[in-house]
């Protein structure tokens, strides 16, 4: 159990560092990057249903839907 706990702590630390780096360098959180990476991995136009089908966790799908809605509503301005 200690090894599993250490793994989970290391994962949380890594995700936190990745999020902080993305926010500092390109002003987007890791969750947004993940959504954009999923769209890019689709290799072309994709529907939201296809995007969500690629994910197993319903909570993550809810977060992705919220992020996509925000991206559509608040485009990045240069």
Protein backbone atom coordinates (compact mmCIF):
# COMPACT_ATOMS: atom_id res chain seq x y z
CA UNK A 1 0.00 0.00 0.00
CA UNK A 2 2.89 2.37 0.67
CA UNK A 3 4.11 1.98 -2.91
CA UNK A 4 0.64 2.79 -4.25
CA UNK A 5 0.41 5.85 -2.01
CA UNK A 6 3.83 7.01 -3.17
CA UNK A 7 2.77 6.54 -6.79
CA UNK A 8 -0.39 8.59 -6.26
CA UNK A 9 1.53 11.40 -4.55
CA UNK A 10 4.13 11.43 -7.35
CA UNK A 11 1.35 11.54 -9.95
CA UNK A 12 -0.38 14.43 -8.17
CA UNK A 13 2.92 16.32 -7.92
CA UNK A 14 3.67 15.78 -11.61
CA UNK A 15 0.19 16.87 -12.71
CA UNK A 16 0.49 19.97 -10.52
CA UNK A 17 3.87 20.83 -12.03
CA UNK A 18 2.58 20.31 -15.57
CA UNK A 19 -0.43 22.52 -14.87
CA UNK A 20 1.74 25.27 -13.38
CA UNK A 21 4.15 25.14 -16.33
CA UNK A 22 1.37 25.37 -18.91
CA UNK A 23 -0.28 28.24 -17.06
CA UNK A 24 3.02 30.12 -16.85
CA UNK A 25 4.14 29.53 -20.44
CA UNK A 26 0.94 29.56 -22.51
CA UNK A 27 -1.74 30.73 -20.05
CA UNK A 28 -3.91 27.60 -20.20
CA UNK A 29 -4.55 24.97 -17.54
CA UNK A 30 -3.65 21.32 -18.06
CA UNK A 31 -7.33 20.40 -18.45
CA UNK A 32 -7.65 22.71 -21.46
CA UNK A 33 -4.46 21.32 -22.97
CA UNK A 34 -5.83 17.81 -22.54
CA UNK A 35 -9.02 18.71 -24.43
CA UNK A 36 -7.01 20.30 -27.25
CA UNK A 37 -4.72 17.25 -27.39
CA UNK A 38 -7.74 14.95 -27.71
CA UNK A 39 -9.08 17.05 -30.59
CA UNK A 40 -5.68 17.02 -32.31
CA UNK A 41 -5.37 13.25 -31.80
CA UNK A 42 -8.69 12.74 -33.60
CA UNK A 43 -6.86 13.69 -36.81
CA UNK A 44 -9.60 15.92 -38.13
CA UNK A 45 -13.07 17.18 -37.34
CA UNK A 46 -14.66 15.40 -34.41
CA UNK A 47 -17.92 15.67 -32.56
CA UNK A 48 -18.20 16.31 -28.86
CA UNK A 49 -19.74 12.85 -28.51
CA UNK A 50 -16.66 11.26 -30.11
CA UNK A 51 -14.40 13.30 -27.88
CA UNK A 52 -16.22 12.19 -24.76
CA UNK A 53 -16.43 8.57 -25.93
CA UNK A 54 -12.64 8.47 -25.88
CA UNK A 55 -12.72 9.10 -22.13
CA UNK A 56 -13.81 6.59 -19.50
CA UNK A 57 -14.45 8.80 -16.46
CA UNK A 58 -17.80 10.63 -16.55
CA UNK A 59 -16.48 13.36 -14.25
CA UNK A 60 -13.67 14.06 -16.71
CA UNK A 61 -16.21 14.22 -19.53
CA UNK A 62 -18.21 16.81 -17.58
CA UNK A 63 -15.06 18.88 -17.09
CA UNK A 64 -14.21 18.59 -20.79
CA UNK A 65 -17.70 19.70 -21.79
CA UNK A 66 -17.41 22.72 -19.50
CA UNK A 67 -13.99 23.57 -20.95
CA UNK A 68 -15.21 23.27 -24.52
CA UNK A 69 -18.14 25.54 -23.73
CA UNK A 70 -15.78 28.11 -22.20
CA UNK A 71 -13.43 27.92 -25.17
CA UNK A 72 -16.31 28.52 -27.52
CA UNK A 73 -17.60 31.41 -25.41
CA UNK A 74 -14.27 33.06 -24.53
CA UNK A 75 -11.82 32.80 -27.43
CA UNK A 76 -8.19 33.59 -26.67
CA UNK A 77 -7.30 37.11 -27.73
CA UNK A 78 -3.79 38.10 -28.82
